[in-house]
Amino acid sequence: MKEGNILSFRILIDSNGHLVTELSGLPENEIHRVFNAEDRVLVKKVIKEGRLKLEKMHNYLESELDALR
């Protein structure tokens, strides 16, 4: 089995010493290229629900970090 990122959230320090957040993942329009028909429904749901939750955290942390700068 191969491994790949379908959704991720990171908090990191960039090369300038700034704390940043990063939200990335497999675009929904690419799911059909990677997963078979049987798995697509589950993967779409995981990405959709995960993005809803992680985008809120990403936006919150980014605004808090901006306020401190």
Protein backbone atom coordinates (compact mmCIF):
# COMPACT_ATOMS: atom_id res chain seq x y z
CA MET A 1 0.00 0.00 0.00
CA LYS A 2 1.25 3.48 -0.87
CA GLU A 3 0.93 6.34 1.56
CA GLY A 4 -0.12 9.91 0.84
CA ASN A 5 -1.47 13.05 2.47
CA ILE A 6 -5.22 13.52 2.06
CA LEU A 7 -5.50 16.28 4.69
CA SER A 8 -3.02 17.85 7.07
CA PHE A 9 -2.65 20.77 9.46
CA ARG A 10 0.73 21.99 10.65
CA ILE A 11 1.98 24.65 13.00
CA LEU A 12 5.58 25.57 12.24
CA ILE A 13 8.25 28.21 12.45
CA ASP A 14 9.40 29.52 9.07
CA SER A 15 12.95 30.50 8.09
CA ASN A 16 12.32 34.06 9.35
CA GLY A 17 11.33 32.82 12.80
CA HIS A 18 7.60 33.45 12.30
CA LEU A 19 5.07 31.00 13.68
CA VAL A 20 2.66 30.03 10.90
CA THR A 21 -0.09 27.50 10.28
CA GLU A 22 -0.55 25.45 7.15
CA LEU A 23 -3.60 23.55 5.92
CA SER A 24 -3.15 21.30 2.90
CA GLY A 25 -4.57 18.23 1.32
CA LEU A 26 -5.80 16.36 -1.69
CA PRO A 27 -8.11 18.54 -3.83
CA GLU A 28 -11.60 17.08 -4.10
CA ASN A 29 -11.40 17.05 -7.89
CA GLU A 30 -8.38 14.70 -7.67
CA ILE A 31 -10.00 12.03 -5.46
CA HIS A 32 -11.20 10.02 -8.46
CA ARG A 33 -7.61 9.74 -9.74
CA VAL A 34 -6.34 8.23 -6.49
CA PHE A 35 -9.18 6.19 -4.98
CA ASN A 36 -11.47 3.51 -6.35
CA ALA A 37 -15.22 4.10 -6.51
CA GLU A 38 -15.82 2.16 -3.32
CA ASP A 39 -13.50 4.37 -1.23
CA ARG A 40 -14.35 7.76 -2.79
CA VAL A 41 -17.45 8.43 -0.69
CA LEU A 42 -15.57 7.85 2.57
CA VAL A 43 -12.54 9.90 1.49
CA LYS A 44 -14.71 12.81 0.29
CA LYS A 45 -16.55 12.84 3.63
CA VAL A 46 -13.32 12.75 5.66
CA ILE A 47 -11.82 15.60 3.62
CA LYS A 48 -15.01 17.69 3.77
CA GLU A 49 -15.54 17.29 7.54
CA GLY A 50 -11.83 17.60 8.32
CA ARG A 51 -11.51 20.82 6.32
CA LEU A 52 -14.55 22.32 8.08
CA LYS A 53 -12.95 21.78 11.49
CA LEU A 54 -9.35 22.52 10.54
CA GLU A 55 -10.16 25.70 8.58
CA LYS A 56 -11.75 27.17 11.71
CA MET A 57 -8.64 26.36 13.76
CA HIS A 58 -6.35 27.61 10.98
CA ASN A 59 -8.21 30.94 10.69
CA TYR A 60 -8.39 31.38 14.46
CA LEU A 61 -4.68 30.77 14.98
CA GLU A 62 -3.70 32.95 12.03
CA SER A 63 -5.76 35.86 13.40
CA GLU A 64 -4.27 35.39 16.87
CA LEU A 65 -0.76 35.34 15.43
CA ASP A 66 -1.48 38.44 13.33
CA ALA A 67 -2.70 40.26 16.45
CA LEU A 68 0.62 39.55 18.18
CA ARG A 69 2.74 40.91 15.33
